[in-house]
Structure formats: structure tokens, C-alpha cells
N, C-alpha and C. Protein backbone atom coordinates (compact mmCIF):
# COMPACT_ATOMS: atom_id res chain seq x y z
N MET A 1 24.43 15.19 -32.75
CA MET A 1 25.65 14.94 -32.01
C MET A 1 26.75 14.48 -32.94
N ASP A 2 26.93 13.16 -33.08
CA ASP A 2 28.07 12.68 -33.85
C ASP A 2 27.70 11.42 -34.61
N ARG A 3 27.56 11.54 -35.90
CA ARG A 3 27.19 10.38 -36.72
C ARG A 3 28.33 9.39 -36.85
N LEU A 4 29.56 9.85 -36.80
CA LEU A 4 30.71 8.97 -36.95
C LEU A 4 30.73 7.88 -35.88
N PHE A 5 30.42 8.24 -34.66
CA PHE A 5 30.46 7.29 -33.55
C PHE A 5 29.09 6.72 -33.20
N GLY A 6 28.05 7.06 -33.97
CA GLY A 6 26.73 6.52 -33.73
C GLY A 6 25.99 7.14 -32.57
N LEU A 7 26.34 8.35 -32.19
CA LEU A 7 25.71 8.97 -31.04
C LEU A 7 24.38 9.62 -31.38
N ASP A 8 24.04 9.71 -32.67
CA ASP A 8 22.75 10.25 -33.08
C ASP A 8 21.64 9.21 -33.00
N GLU A 9 22.00 7.97 -32.80
CA GLU A 9 21.02 6.88 -32.79
C GLU A 9 20.89 6.32 -31.38
N GLU A 10 19.70 5.78 -31.13
CA GLU A 10 19.48 5.16 -29.82
C GLU A 10 20.31 3.90 -29.70
N CYS A 11 20.57 3.49 -28.47
CA CYS A 11 21.35 2.29 -28.20
C CYS A 11 20.61 1.06 -28.70
N PRO A 12 21.34 0.02 -29.10
CA PRO A 12 20.67 -1.23 -29.46
C PRO A 12 19.92 -1.79 -28.24
N HIS A 13 18.75 -2.37 -28.48
CA HIS A 13 17.95 -2.88 -27.37
C HIS A 13 17.06 -4.02 -27.85
N ASP A 14 16.42 -4.71 -26.91
CA ASP A 14 15.50 -5.80 -27.23
C ASP A 14 14.30 -5.27 -28.00
N GLU A 15 13.69 -6.14 -28.80
CA GLU A 15 12.55 -5.73 -29.61
C GLU A 15 11.31 -5.40 -28.79
N ASP A 16 11.18 -5.95 -27.60
CA ASP A 16 9.99 -5.67 -26.79
C ASP A 16 10.13 -4.40 -25.95
N LEU A 17 11.25 -3.68 -26.13
CA LEU A 17 11.47 -2.42 -25.42
C LEU A 17 11.34 -1.25 -26.39
N ALA A 18 10.96 -0.10 -25.85
CA ALA A 18 10.84 1.12 -26.65
C ALA A 18 11.58 2.24 -25.94
N LEU A 19 12.17 3.12 -26.72
CA LEU A 19 12.88 4.27 -26.15
C LEU A 19 11.88 5.26 -25.58
N LEU A 20 12.02 5.55 -24.29
CA LEU A 20 11.17 6.54 -23.64
C LEU A 20 11.74 7.94 -23.84
N THR A 21 12.99 8.13 -23.47
CA THR A 21 13.63 9.44 -23.60
C THR A 21 15.13 9.29 -23.42
N THR A 22 15.83 10.35 -23.70
CA THR A 22 17.27 10.43 -23.44
C THR A 22 17.50 11.63 -22.53
N VAL A 23 18.21 11.41 -21.43
CA VAL A 23 18.53 12.50 -20.50
C VAL A 23 20.03 12.76 -20.54
N TYR A 24 20.41 13.98 -20.18
CA TYR A 24 21.81 14.38 -20.30
C TYR A 24 22.46 14.80 -18.99
N ASP A 25 21.73 14.70 -17.88
CA ASP A 25 22.34 15.06 -16.60
C ASP A 25 21.88 14.10 -15.51
N ASN A 26 22.66 14.06 -14.44
CA ASN A 26 22.40 13.12 -13.35
C ASN A 26 21.10 13.41 -12.60
N VAL A 27 20.75 14.68 -12.48
CA VAL A 27 19.54 15.05 -11.76
C VAL A 27 18.31 14.52 -12.49
N SER A 28 18.23 14.77 -13.79
CA SER A 28 17.09 14.27 -14.57
C SER A 28 17.03 12.75 -14.53
N GLN A 29 18.19 12.11 -14.60
CA GLN A 29 18.23 10.65 -14.55
C GLN A 29 17.69 10.15 -13.22
N SER A 30 18.12 10.74 -12.13
CA SER A 30 17.67 10.31 -10.79
C SER A 30 16.18 10.53 -10.60
N VAL A 31 15.68 11.69 -11.05
CA VAL A 31 14.26 11.99 -10.91
C VAL A 31 13.43 11.00 -11.72
N LEU A 32 13.82 10.75 -12.96
CA LEU A 32 13.07 9.84 -13.81
C LEU A 32 13.11 8.42 -13.26
N GLU A 33 14.26 7.98 -12.78
CA GLU A 33 14.36 6.65 -12.17
C GLU A 33 13.42 6.54 -10.97
N SER A 34 13.39 7.57 -10.14
CA SER A 34 12.54 7.56 -8.96
C SER A 34 11.06 7.49 -9.33
N ILE A 35 10.66 8.26 -10.34
CA ILE A 35 9.26 8.25 -10.77
C ILE A 35 8.87 6.89 -11.34
N LEU A 36 9.72 6.32 -12.18
CA LEU A 36 9.41 5.02 -12.77
C LEU A 36 9.36 3.93 -11.71
N ARG A 37 10.30 3.97 -10.76
CA ARG A 37 10.28 2.98 -9.66
C ARG A 37 9.01 3.14 -8.82
N GLY A 38 8.64 4.39 -8.55
CA GLY A 38 7.45 4.66 -7.74
C GLY A 38 6.18 4.16 -8.39
N GLU A 39 6.13 4.18 -9.71
CA GLU A 39 4.95 3.69 -10.45
C GLU A 39 5.09 2.23 -10.84
N LYS A 40 6.18 1.59 -10.39
CA LYS A 40 6.46 0.18 -10.65
C LYS A 40 6.51 -0.12 -12.16
N ILE A 41 7.15 0.77 -12.91
CA ILE A 41 7.37 0.58 -14.34
C ILE A 41 8.82 0.13 -14.51
N PRO A 42 9.03 -1.11 -14.96
CA PRO A 42 10.41 -1.56 -15.16
C PRO A 42 11.07 -0.78 -16.29
N TYR A 43 12.34 -0.51 -16.15
CA TYR A 43 13.05 0.27 -17.15
C TYR A 43 14.47 -0.26 -17.30
N LEU A 44 15.08 0.12 -18.40
CA LEU A 44 16.47 -0.22 -18.68
C LEU A 44 17.16 1.07 -19.11
N ILE A 45 18.35 1.33 -18.56
CA ILE A 45 19.09 2.51 -18.98
C ILE A 45 20.38 2.05 -19.66
N LYS A 46 20.74 2.78 -20.72
CA LYS A 46 21.98 2.50 -21.43
C LYS A 46 22.64 3.83 -21.76
N GLU A 47 23.94 3.88 -21.54
CA GLU A 47 24.71 5.08 -21.87
C GLU A 47 25.03 5.06 -23.36
N ARG A 48 24.96 6.22 -23.99
CA ARG A 48 25.34 6.33 -25.40
C ARG A 48 26.85 6.46 -25.53
N GLY A 49 27.37 5.92 -26.62
CA GLY A 49 28.80 6.04 -26.91
C GLY A 49 29.64 5.52 -25.77
N SER A 50 30.67 6.26 -25.43
CA SER A 50 31.54 5.88 -24.32
C SER A 50 31.10 6.59 -23.05
N GLY A 51 29.81 6.84 -22.98
CA GLY A 51 29.25 7.62 -21.87
C GLY A 51 29.51 7.07 -20.50
N SER A 52 29.50 5.74 -20.35
CA SER A 52 29.71 5.19 -19.02
C SER A 52 31.13 5.46 -18.53
N SER A 53 32.10 5.38 -19.42
CA SER A 53 33.48 5.69 -19.03
C SER A 53 33.64 7.16 -18.70
N VAL A 54 33.04 8.01 -19.53
CA VAL A 54 33.11 9.44 -19.30
C VAL A 54 32.42 9.80 -17.99
N LYS A 55 31.29 9.14 -17.70
CA LYS A 55 30.54 9.43 -16.47
C LYS A 55 31.36 9.08 -15.23
N ILE A 56 32.12 8.01 -15.30
CA ILE A 56 32.96 7.62 -14.16
C ILE A 56 34.06 8.65 -13.95
N ILE A 57 34.67 9.10 -15.02
CA ILE A 57 35.79 10.03 -14.92
C ILE A 57 35.33 11.45 -14.60
N ALA A 58 34.33 11.95 -15.35
CA ALA A 58 33.94 13.36 -15.22
C ALA A 58 32.74 13.58 -14.31
N GLY A 59 31.98 12.53 -14.02
CA GLY A 59 30.81 12.69 -13.17
C GLY A 59 29.53 12.93 -13.94
N TYR A 60 29.63 13.11 -15.24
CA TYR A 60 28.45 13.27 -16.09
C TYR A 60 28.82 12.82 -17.51
N SER A 61 27.81 12.63 -18.34
CA SER A 61 28.06 12.23 -19.72
C SER A 61 27.37 13.20 -20.67
N MET A 62 28.15 13.76 -21.58
CA MET A 62 27.57 14.67 -22.56
C MET A 62 26.90 13.90 -23.69
N PHE A 63 27.06 12.58 -23.72
CA PHE A 63 26.48 11.76 -24.78
C PHE A 63 25.03 11.40 -24.51
N GLY A 64 24.62 11.37 -23.25
CA GLY A 64 23.25 11.07 -22.89
C GLY A 64 23.04 9.65 -22.42
N THR A 65 21.93 9.46 -21.74
CA THR A 65 21.53 8.16 -21.22
C THR A 65 20.14 7.85 -21.75
N ASP A 66 20.00 6.72 -22.44
CA ASP A 66 18.70 6.31 -22.98
C ASP A 66 17.92 5.53 -21.93
N PHE A 67 16.63 5.84 -21.81
CA PHE A 67 15.71 5.11 -20.95
C PHE A 67 14.78 4.29 -21.82
N PHE A 68 14.72 2.99 -21.58
CA PHE A 68 13.84 2.10 -22.31
C PHE A 68 12.81 1.51 -21.35
N VAL A 69 11.58 1.33 -21.83
CA VAL A 69 10.52 0.66 -21.07
C VAL A 69 9.86 -0.35 -21.99
N ARG A 70 9.08 -1.24 -21.41
CA ARG A 70 8.34 -2.20 -22.23
C ARG A 70 7.36 -1.46 -23.12
N LYS A 71 7.17 -1.97 -24.33
CA LYS A 71 6.30 -1.30 -25.29
C LYS A 71 4.88 -1.10 -24.76
N GLU A 72 4.37 -2.08 -24.01
CA GLU A 72 3.01 -1.97 -23.50
C GLU A 72 2.88 -0.94 -22.38
N MET A 73 4.00 -0.50 -21.81
CA MET A 73 3.97 0.51 -20.75
C MET A 73 4.45 1.88 -21.23
N LEU A 74 4.73 2.00 -22.52
CA LEU A 74 5.29 3.23 -23.06
C LEU A 74 4.36 4.43 -22.90
N ASP A 75 3.06 4.24 -23.18
CA ASP A 75 2.12 5.37 -23.05
C ASP A 75 2.02 5.86 -21.61
N GLN A 76 1.96 4.93 -20.66
CA GLN A 76 1.89 5.30 -19.25
C GLN A 76 3.16 6.05 -18.84
N ALA A 77 4.31 5.57 -19.27
CA ALA A 77 5.58 6.22 -18.92
C ALA A 77 5.68 7.60 -19.57
N LYS A 78 5.18 7.74 -20.80
CA LYS A 78 5.21 9.05 -21.46
C LYS A 78 4.33 10.06 -20.74
N GLU A 79 3.18 9.61 -20.22
CA GLU A 79 2.31 10.50 -19.45
C GLU A 79 3.03 11.00 -18.19
N LEU A 80 3.75 10.10 -17.52
CA LEU A 80 4.50 10.49 -16.33
C LEU A 80 5.61 11.47 -16.69
N LEU A 81 6.27 11.21 -17.81
CA LEU A 81 7.35 12.09 -18.27
C LEU A 81 6.81 13.47 -18.61
N GLN A 82 5.64 13.51 -19.24
CA GLN A 82 5.02 14.79 -19.59
C GLN A 82 4.61 15.55 -18.33
N ALA A 83 4.07 14.83 -17.35
CA ALA A 83 3.68 15.46 -16.09
C ALA A 83 4.90 15.99 -15.35
N MET A 84 6.02 15.28 -15.46
CA MET A 84 7.26 15.71 -14.81
C MET A 84 7.76 17.00 -15.45
N ALA A 85 7.58 17.15 -16.76
CA ALA A 85 8.06 18.32 -17.48
C ALA A 85 7.12 19.52 -17.36
N ASP A 86 5.86 19.28 -16.99
CA ASP A 86 4.87 20.36 -16.92
C ASP A 86 4.86 20.96 -15.51
N PRO A 87 5.37 22.16 -15.33
CA PRO A 87 5.43 22.74 -13.99
C PRO A 87 4.05 23.11 -13.42
N ASP A 88 3.03 23.20 -14.27
CA ASP A 88 1.70 23.57 -13.80
C ASP A 88 0.81 22.35 -13.52
N ALA A 89 1.37 21.15 -13.65
CA ALA A 89 0.59 19.94 -13.43
C ALA A 89 0.22 19.83 -11.95
N GLU A 90 -1.02 19.43 -11.71
CA GLU A 90 -1.49 19.24 -10.34
C GLU A 90 -1.70 17.76 -10.11
N PHE A 91 -1.12 17.25 -9.04
CA PHE A 91 -1.27 15.85 -8.72
C PHE A 91 -2.26 15.73 -7.57
N VAL A 92 -3.32 14.96 -7.79
CA VAL A 92 -4.35 14.77 -6.77
C VAL A 92 -4.44 13.29 -6.48
N GLU A 93 -4.31 12.93 -5.22
CA GLU A 93 -4.44 11.54 -4.81
C GLU A 93 -5.87 11.07 -5.02
N ASP A 94 -6.06 9.78 -5.25
CA ASP A 94 -7.41 9.24 -5.40
C ASP A 94 -8.23 9.51 -4.15
N GLY A 95 -9.41 10.05 -4.36
CA GLY A 95 -10.32 10.32 -3.24
C GLY A 95 -10.07 11.65 -2.56
N GLU A 96 -9.09 12.40 -3.01
CA GLU A 96 -8.80 13.71 -2.41
C GLU A 96 -9.12 14.78 -3.43
N ASP A 97 -9.89 15.78 -3.02
CA ASP A 97 -10.19 16.88 -3.94
C ASP A 97 -9.74 18.21 -3.37
N GLY A 98 -8.97 18.18 -2.28
CA GLY A 98 -8.44 19.40 -1.71
C GLY A 98 -9.41 20.10 -0.76
N GLN A 99 -10.60 19.54 -0.56
CA GLN A 99 -11.57 20.16 0.33
C GLN A 99 -11.78 19.26 1.53
N GLU A 100 -12.05 19.91 2.64
CA GLU A 100 -12.31 19.15 3.88
C GLU A 100 -13.74 18.69 3.91
N ASP A 101 -13.98 17.49 4.49
CA ASP A 101 -15.34 16.98 4.67
C ASP A 101 -16.03 17.79 5.76
N GLN A 102 -17.29 18.14 5.51
CA GLN A 102 -18.02 18.91 6.51
C GLN A 102 -19.27 18.21 6.92
């Protein structure tokens, strides 16, 4: 992106947080927020550059939005992110195998 304004680097954050991903559109942001909330994984979002101002004016930010989670929950959050990106992933509830009891 832009090294002059620091947009190639993740936002400054607390040491106990780790960068999960960066999203560039509102739909991806909403979906990821919903998944993390549903799994009760606390997260922090930060806009890159002047992204928050641009998002208010234009409705989106071309700079991206960083998602941070606690370091101890990073692997769990990455698995959810991977499952979200995999269109062939099958989600099975605990105790359900898709067959009826006979």
C-alpha cells in the first residue's frame, strides 16, 4: 500500500494482542465480527491510516481494518477464519451426524 503513511504495517496494539487479519470491506468486517461474537472471542478492531475518517465520508475504507484477538485465542480465531474462507467446509453441531435415529 503506502510506506510513507505507514499503511503497510499493522496498527499499534497491546502486547497481549495478536493481529488476526485485515479486511477491506464492510461485509467481511460484519461477518467476521458476528463469528467472533458468536464464539465469544473478544476482539479489537482498528482502522489503518485515516481509514475511520474515510469510512465515515465514503462508506468504506481502502486502507483496511485490522482485527486483533488475545494471543491465547489466536489459533482458535484463525481456525474460524479459515472455515469462513473455505466454501466446502461442513459445520456439524455436536451430537448431530446428519442421520435420523431409527
